[in-house]
Amino acid sequence: MRRDLSALDGRPFDLVVVGGGIHGAAVARDAALRGLAVSLLERDDFGAGTSGNSLGIVHGGLRDLKAADVARLRLMAAERRAWLTIAPHLVRPLPVLVPFGGRRRPGRAALAAALPLHDLLTADRNRGVAADRHVPRGRLLGRAETLGRAPWLAPDVEGAALVHDARMLDPDRLTLAVVRGAVEAGAVVANRVEATGLRLARGRVAGVTARDRLSGRDLDVRARVVVNAAGPWADWAGVRVAGPLALAMNVVLRRPGLAGETAVALPGDGTRLYFLAPWGDGAVSLGTGYWPHGPAPASVAPDAETVRSLLAQLGRSLGEPLAEDDVTRVLAGLLPCRPGTAE
């Protein structure tokens, strides 16, 4: 990919996308594939914000059955199918255990009823997906098979539902692959270029003004449509659109005893659900914890107290204490949220 600012300044585009996370990159790629003239601007590096700081799981919608949100379930399953189709080298099915038995875990009967319903509602989950990336049907496992996959689980576990989400092998590389796909389809992209305001013509939005953060050069990017995909930084245009923010945080642990090829859903405090997922090289990722957050800063760096709070929550879910020395990486990002949901 070539960073060519001269291709941005003054040239008319059909669409300018502000924000080079996975959402903005996907919008730019899709629009370019449809034959539109597209530009994509990112104030930092592509995927440097929340997109590069996730558990790396593409959920398939099973959790939405509890809320009877069929529309969201179908959307999640469709997104999983899309990524398995267009990026099979970077996304693959991920087996997930949902243990039952003991305190705070779901019951066997509820999971036994949920699995066939989920399979029915996602009957098209493998349409267009290569055979080696197909998502199997869910099934119940007995105690022995459950502990064979996750021997560290608490002794009161009676079994588990085995379902499949999908795993991003490298979230950063996936975002860059989508950006590159946009470029190959004809989009003009540039990182380190910050949108500073909306460009107006006769009372209508006609693009954005921007600044190259490396040289300080001002740019005038003309476009018929502006897509604001800046996430927590979406207020750049002078219009408050981001709403309340939550700090979402995961940790990567170097704990070989927890490592494996299967993810595990763990009950947290209240209705919270955590996921432990493979990270590679004997490490696992664990989260996600959420905290209310003020206005979006230039960069996101959770303080030590917040990290310790997350480790305490995760340790209770695992049934064993976690220390800061166990942490090899903290993955933190900001998300717009509904008031009262990040507690």
Protein backbone atom coordinates (compact mmCIF):
# COMPACT_ATOMS: atom_id res chain seq x y z
CA MET A 1 0.00 0.00 0.00
CA ARG A 2 1.25 3.48 -0.90
CA ARG A 3 0.52 6.59 1.14
CA ASP A 4 -0.12 9.20 -1.54
CA LEU A 5 -1.58 12.41 -0.10
CA SER A 6 -1.65 14.07 -3.51
CA ALA A 7 -4.30 11.53 -4.52
CA LEU A 8 -6.54 12.81 -1.68
CA ASP A 9 -6.28 16.57 -1.94
CA GLY A 10 -8.85 18.21 -4.18
CA ARG A 11 -9.93 15.07 -6.06
CA PRO A 12 -13.70 14.41 -5.95
CA PHE A 13 -14.74 11.13 -4.31
CA ASP A 14 -18.11 9.47 -4.03
CA LEU A 15 -17.34 8.52 -0.43
CA VAL A 16 -14.83 9.43 2.27
CA VAL A 17 -14.63 7.13 5.28
CA VAL A 18 -13.19 8.58 8.48
CA GLY A 19 -11.77 5.91 10.78
CA GLY A 20 -9.54 3.00 9.75
CA GLY A 21 -10.65 0.36 12.23
CA ILE A 22 -12.30 -2.82 11.02
CA HIS A 23 -15.66 -1.10 10.46
CA GLY A 24 -14.26 1.77 8.41
CA ALA A 25 -11.99 -0.55 6.45
CA ALA A 26 -14.89 -2.87 5.65
CA VAL A 27 -17.09 0.04 4.52
CA ALA A 28 -14.30 1.34 2.26
CA ARG A 29 -13.66 -2.09 0.75
CA ASP A 30 -17.33 -2.80 0.15
CA ALA A 31 -17.96 0.59 -1.45
CA ALA A 32 -14.87 0.32 -3.67
CA LEU A 33 -15.90 -3.16 -4.79
CA ARG A 34 -19.22 -1.64 -5.87
CA GLY A 35 -17.38 0.77 -8.18
CA LEU A 36 -17.48 3.91 -6.04
CA ALA A 37 -14.56 6.31 -5.76
CA VAL A 38 -13.54 5.92 -2.12
CA SER A 39 -11.03 7.46 0.27
CA LEU A 40 -10.23 6.16 3.77
CA LEU A 41 -8.60 8.31 6.46
CA GLU A 42 -7.14 7.08 9.76
CA ARG A 43 -5.70 9.43 12.41
CA ASP A 44 -3.32 6.77 13.75
CA ASP A 45 -2.35 3.39 12.29
CA PHE A 46 -5.03 1.20 10.73
CA GLY A 47 -6.67 -0.88 13.47
CA ALA A 48 -4.70 0.84 16.23
CA GLY A 49 -7.74 1.44 18.45
CA THR A 50 -10.41 -0.95 19.65
CA SER A 51 -10.13 -3.15 16.53
CA GLY A 52 -6.63 -4.22 17.49
CA ASN A 53 -7.44 -4.87 21.14
CA SER A 54 -10.11 -7.56 21.23
CA LEU A 55 -10.28 -11.20 22.30
CA GLY A 56 -10.19 -12.08 18.62
CA ILE A 57 -13.50 -13.96 18.78
CA VAL A 58 -16.22 -13.66 16.13
CA HIS A 59 -19.31 -14.70 18.08
CA GLY A 60 -22.02 -16.79 16.45
CA GLY A 61 -25.03 -15.51 18.39
CA LEU A 62 -25.72 -18.23 20.99
CA ARG A 63 -25.70 -15.65 23.79
CA ASP A 64 -28.54 -13.76 22.12
CA LEU A 65 -30.95 -16.67 22.61
CA LYS A 66 -31.19 -15.82 26.31
CA ALA A 67 -32.58 -12.39 25.40
CA ALA A 68 -34.71 -13.89 22.60
CA ASP A 69 -33.01 -11.46 20.20
CA VAL A 70 -33.33 -13.52 17.03
CA ALA A 71 -32.46 -10.61 14.75
CA ARG A 72 -29.13 -10.04 16.49
CA LEU A 73 -28.44 -13.78 16.57
CA ARG A 74 -28.95 -14.00 12.82
CA LEU A 75 -26.75 -10.93 12.27
CA MET A 76 -23.91 -12.38 14.35
CA ALA A 77 -24.09 -15.72 12.53
CA ALA A 78 -24.09 -13.93 9.17
CA GLU A 79 -20.99 -11.92 10.13
CA ARG A 80 -19.21 -15.10 11.22
CA ARG A 81 -20.09 -16.72 7.89
CA ALA A 82 -18.86 -13.67 5.97
CA TRP A 83 -15.45 -13.67 7.64
CA LEU A 84 -15.02 -17.41 7.22
CA THR A 85 -15.81 -16.92 3.52
CA ILE A 86 -13.70 -13.88 2.62
CA ALA A 87 -10.74 -14.45 4.98
CA PRO A 88 -10.41 -18.22 5.55
CA HIS A 89 -6.63 -17.82 5.97
CA LEU A 90 -7.15 -15.52 8.96
CA VAL A 91 -10.42 -16.76 10.49
CA ARG A 92 -11.30 -20.30 11.46
CA PRO A 93 -14.01 -22.02 13.55
CA LEU A 94 -13.33 -21.91 17.30
CA PRO A 95 -14.76 -24.61 19.57
CA VAL A 96 -16.25 -23.10 22.74
CA LEU A 97 -17.20 -24.93 25.91
CA VAL A 98 -20.17 -23.66 27.94
CA PRO A 99 -19.86 -25.70 31.15
CA PHE A 100 -22.91 -26.69 33.21
CA GLY A 101 -23.31 -27.96 36.76
CA GLY A 102 -22.31 -26.31 40.00
CA ARG A 103 -22.90 -22.77 41.17
CA ARG A 104 -23.67 -19.87 38.78
CA ARG A 105 -23.45 -21.99 35.61
CA PRO A 106 -26.37 -22.61 33.25
CA GLY A 107 -28.29 -25.85 33.66
CA ARG A 108 -27.93 -28.86 31.40
CA ALA A 109 -31.62 -28.78 30.41
CA ALA A 110 -31.45 -25.14 29.29
CA LEU A 111 -28.39 -25.81 27.12
CA ALA A 112 -29.91 -28.99 25.71
CA ALA A 113 -32.91 -26.92 24.56
CA ALA A 114 -30.82 -24.01 23.27
CA LEU A 115 -28.45 -25.99 21.02
CA PRO A 116 -30.98 -27.38 18.49
CA LEU A 117 -32.81 -24.04 18.38
CA HIS A 118 -29.55 -22.22 17.69
CA ASP A 119 -28.66 -24.73 14.97
CA LEU A 120 -32.09 -24.23 13.39
CA LEU A 121 -31.82 -20.44 13.43
CA THR A 122 -28.34 -20.64 11.86
CA ALA A 123 -29.09 -23.41 9.36
CA ASP A 124 -27.38 -21.37 6.61
CA ARG A 125 -24.19 -20.84 8.67
CA ASN A 126 -21.99 -22.73 6.18
CA ARG A 127 -23.47 -21.41 2.94
CA GLY A 128 -20.57 -20.44 0.67
CA VAL A 129 -17.95 -21.42 3.28
CA ALA A 130 -15.10 -23.77 2.32
CA ALA A 131 -15.59 -27.29 3.70
CA ASP A 132 -12.56 -27.04 6.01
CA ARG A 133 -14.04 -23.92 7.63
CA HIS A 134 -17.55 -25.29 8.26
CA VAL A 135 -19.14 -24.62 11.66
CA PRO A 136 -20.39 -27.91 13.19
CA ARG A 137 -23.67 -28.38 15.01
CA GLY A 138 -23.65 -27.89 18.76
CA ARG A 139 -23.68 -30.89 21.08
CA LEU A 140 -23.54 -31.78 24.76
CA LEU A 141 -20.40 -33.31 26.28
CA GLY A 142 -20.12 -35.45 29.36
CA ARG A 143 -17.83 -34.64 32.25
CA ALA A 144 -14.90 -36.74 31.03
CA GLU A 145 -14.82 -35.20 27.54
CA THR A 146 -15.26 -31.71 28.99
CA LEU A 147 -12.31 -32.10 31.36
CA GLY A 148 -10.30 -33.66 28.55
CA ARG A 149 -10.58 -30.38 26.69
CA ALA A 150 -10.19 -28.12 29.75
CA PRO A 151 -8.73 -30.11 32.66
CA TRP A 152 -8.38 -26.97 34.79
CA LEU A 153 -12.14 -26.52 35.15
CA ALA A 154 -13.57 -26.72 38.68
CA PRO A 155 -14.34 -30.25 39.96
CA ASP A 156 -18.09 -29.56 40.23
CA VAL A 157 -18.43 -29.28 36.44
CA GLU A 158 -20.81 -31.96 35.16
CA GLY A 159 -20.32 -31.41 31.43
CA ALA A 160 -20.56 -28.72 28.80
CA ALA A 161 -22.26 -27.61 25.64
CA LEU A 162 -19.79 -27.56 22.76
CA VAL A 163 -20.60 -24.77 20.30
CA HIS A 164 -18.51 -22.96 17.71
CA ASP A 165 -17.75 -19.30 17.24
CA ALA A 166 -14.82 -18.22 15.05
CA ARG A 167 -11.32 -17.04 15.89
CA MET A 168 -9.30 -14.29 14.25
CA LEU A 169 -5.77 -15.69 14.07
CA ASP A 170 -4.35 -12.16 13.97
CA PRO A 171 -6.85 -9.25 14.39
CA ASP A 172 -4.28 -6.65 13.27
CA ARG A 173 -3.44 -8.57 10.12
CA LEU A 174 -7.15 -9.06 9.37
CA THR A 175 -7.80 -5.31 9.52
CA LEU A 176 -4.81 -4.63 7.27
CA ALA A 177 -6.01 -7.30 4.84
CA VAL A 178 -9.37 -5.52 4.56
CA VAL A 179 -7.61 -2.17 4.02
CA ARG A 180 -5.46 -3.75 1.35
CA GLY A 181 -8.60 -5.20 -0.26
CA ALA A 182 -10.03 -1.69 -0.41
CA VAL A 183 -6.85 -0.45 -2.11
CA GLU A 184 -6.92 -3.30 -4.62
CA ALA A 185 -10.51 -2.32 -5.44
CA GLY A 186 -9.38 1.25 -6.16
CA ALA A 187 -9.71 3.09 -2.82
CA VAL A 188 -7.22 5.77 -1.78
CA VAL A 189 -6.16 5.22 1.84
CA ALA A 190 -3.92 7.13 4.23
CA ASN A 191 -2.99 6.60 7.85
CA ARG A 192 -1.76 9.38 10.16
CA VAL A 193 -4.30 11.72 8.52
CA GLU A 194 -6.80 13.24 10.94
CA ALA A 195 -10.17 14.63 9.86
CA THR A 196 -10.55 18.06 11.43
CA GLY A 197 -14.00 19.12 10.25
CA LEU A 198 -16.71 18.85 7.67
CA ARG A 199 -16.34 20.60 4.33
CA LEU A 200 -19.52 22.48 3.40
CA ALA A 201 -20.76 23.68 0.02
CA ARG A 202 -24.00 25.64 -0.27
CA GLY A 203 -25.13 24.38 3.11
CA ARG A 204 -24.47 20.72 2.40
CA VAL A 205 -21.70 18.36 3.51
CA ALA A 206 -19.23 18.05 0.64
CA GLY A 207 -16.32 16.19 2.21
CA VAL A 208 -13.88 16.80 5.06
CA THR A 209 -10.95 18.98 5.96
CA ALA A 210 -7.98 17.01 7.28
CA ARG A 211 -4.41 17.34 8.47
CA ASP A 212 -1.43 15.09 7.87
CA ARG A 213 -0.11 14.37 11.36
CA LEU A 214 3.39 13.67 10.04
CA SER A 215 4.00 16.85 8.03
CA GLY A 216 1.29 19.18 9.35
CA ARG A 217 -0.03 19.64 5.82
CA ASP A 218 -3.71 20.62 5.52
CA LEU A 219 -5.84 18.61 3.11
CA ASP A 220 -9.18 19.19 1.43
CA VAL A 221 -10.92 15.87 0.72
CA ARG A 222 -14.04 16.35 -1.40
CA ALA A 223 -16.80 13.72 -1.37
CA ARG A 224 -20.53 13.45 -1.92
CA VAL A 225 -20.94 11.30 1.20
CA VAL A 226 -19.01 11.19 4.49
CA VAL A 227 -19.08 8.03 6.62
CA ASN A 228 -18.06 8.65 10.23
CA ALA A 229 -16.52 5.35 11.40
CA ALA A 230 -14.30 6.90 14.06
CA GLY A 231 -15.93 5.02 16.93
CA PRO A 232 -15.23 6.74 20.27
CA TRP A 233 -13.59 9.63 18.40
CA ALA A 234 -16.67 10.20 16.25
CA ASP A 235 -17.24 13.71 17.65
CA TRP A 236 -14.46 15.13 15.42
CA ALA A 237 -17.08 16.72 13.15
CA GLY A 238 -18.34 19.04 15.90
CA VAL A 239 -21.54 17.03 16.37
CA ARG A 240 -21.87 14.85 19.48
CA VAL A 241 -22.58 11.36 18.17
CA ALA A 242 -20.42 9.00 20.22
CA GLY A 243 -22.57 9.03 23.38
CA PRO A 244 -21.43 7.38 26.63
CA LEU A 245 -18.21 5.41 26.36
CA ALA A 246 -17.04 2.21 28.01
CA LEU A 247 -13.48 1.04 28.49
CA ALA A 248 -13.37 -2.58 27.30
CA MET A 249 -10.40 -4.57 28.51
CA ASN A 250 -8.92 -8.04 28.02
CA VAL A 251 -5.65 -9.53 29.22
CA VAL A 252 -3.24 -12.01 27.68
CA LEU A 253 -1.87 -14.51 30.20
CA ARG A 254 1.14 -16.77 29.97
CA ARG A 255 -0.45 -19.73 31.75
CA PRO A 256 0.39 -23.00 29.91
CA GLY A 257 -2.03 -24.92 32.15
CA LEU A 258 -4.94 -22.95 30.69
CA ALA A 259 -3.80 -23.06 27.07
CA GLY A 260 -5.49 -25.23 24.47
CA GLU A 261 -7.42 -25.07 21.22
CA THR A 262 -10.83 -24.69 22.87
CA ALA A 263 -12.32 -21.49 24.30
CA VAL A 264 -14.35 -21.60 27.51
CA ALA A 265 -17.25 -19.41 28.62
CA LEU A 266 -16.98 -18.51 32.30
CA PRO A 267 -19.68 -17.01 34.55
CA GLY A 268 -18.72 -13.66 36.04
CA ASP A 269 -20.26 -11.35 38.61
CA GLY A 270 -24.00 -10.94 38.16
CA THR A 271 -24.98 -11.59 34.54
CA ARG A 272 -21.45 -11.01 33.23
CA LEU A 273 -19.93 -13.71 31.02
CA TYR A 274 -16.20 -13.96 30.33
CA PHE A 275 -14.37 -15.91 27.63
CA LEU A 276 -11.01 -17.61 27.81
CA ALA A 277 -9.63 -18.10 24.32
CA PRO A 278 -6.44 -19.47 22.71
CA TRP A 279 -3.87 -16.80 21.90
CA GLY A 280 -1.00 -18.93 20.59
CA ASP A 281 2.44 -19.93 21.91
CA GLY A 282 1.07 -21.20 25.22
CA ALA A 283 -0.84 -17.99 26.03
CA VAL A 284 -4.55 -17.31 26.45
CA SER A 285 -6.68 -14.18 26.26
CA LEU A 286 -9.33 -13.57 28.90
CA GLY A 287 -12.11 -10.98 29.18
CA THR A 288 -13.98 -8.81 28.47
CA GLY A 289 -14.38 -6.40 31.40
CA TYR A 290 -16.15 -3.05 31.02
CA TRP A 291 -15.87 0.25 32.92
CA PRO A 292 -17.63 3.61 32.37
CA HIS A 293 -15.27 6.09 30.73
CA GLY A 294 -15.13 9.82 30.16
CA PRO A 295 -14.40 11.56 26.85
CA ALA A 296 -12.11 9.73 24.45
CA PRO A 297 -8.44 10.58 25.06
CA ALA A 298 -5.73 10.66 22.43
CA SER A 299 -4.73 7.12 23.45
CA VAL A 300 -6.15 4.47 25.75
CA ALA A 301 -4.00 3.24 28.62
CA PRO A 302 -5.86 1.73 31.60
CA ASP A 303 -4.36 2.45 35.00
CA ALA A 304 -2.93 -0.24 37.26
CA GLU A 305 -5.95 -0.16 39.58
CA THR A 306 -8.34 -0.98 36.73
CA VAL A 307 -6.12 -3.84 35.59
CA ARG A 308 -6.05 -5.23 39.14
CA SER A 309 -9.84 -4.94 39.32
CA LEU A 310 -10.22 -6.95 36.11
CA LEU A 311 -7.77 -9.59 37.33
CA ALA A 312 -9.77 -9.95 40.55
CA GLN A 313 -13.00 -10.47 38.58
CA LEU A 314 -11.38 -12.94 36.20
CA GLY A 315 -9.73 -14.81 39.07
CA ARG A 316 -13.11 -15.36 40.72
CA SER A 317 -14.46 -16.77 37.45
CA LEU A 318 -11.47 -19.07 36.99
CA GLY A 319 -11.52 -20.18 40.61
CA GLU A 320 -7.86 -19.26 41.09
CA PRO A 321 -6.12 -15.95 41.77
CA LEU A 322 -4.42 -14.04 38.98
CA ALA A 323 -1.42 -11.80 39.57
CA GLU A 324 -0.08 -8.91 37.52
CA ASP A 325 3.00 -11.02 36.83
CA ASP A 326 0.76 -13.41 34.85
CA VAL A 327 -0.13 -10.66 32.36
CA THR A 328 1.94 -10.34 29.20
CA ARG A 329 -0.33 -7.86 27.41
CA VAL A 330 -3.33 -5.67 28.22
CA LEU A 331 -5.83 -5.19 25.39
CA ALA A 332 -7.89 -2.05 25.94
CA GLY A 333 -10.26 -0.09 23.72
CA LEU A 334 -13.20 2.30 23.96
CA LEU A 335 -16.73 1.49 22.82
CA PRO A 336 -19.86 3.62 22.53
CA CYS A 337 -22.49 2.12 24.83
CA ARG A 338 -25.97 2.60 26.21
CA PRO A 339 -26.14 4.47 29.55
CA GLY A 340 -25.81 2.11 32.52
CA THR A 341 -24.47 -0.88 30.55
CA ALA A 342 -20.78 -0.52 31.51
CA GLU A 343 -20.75 -1.20 35.24
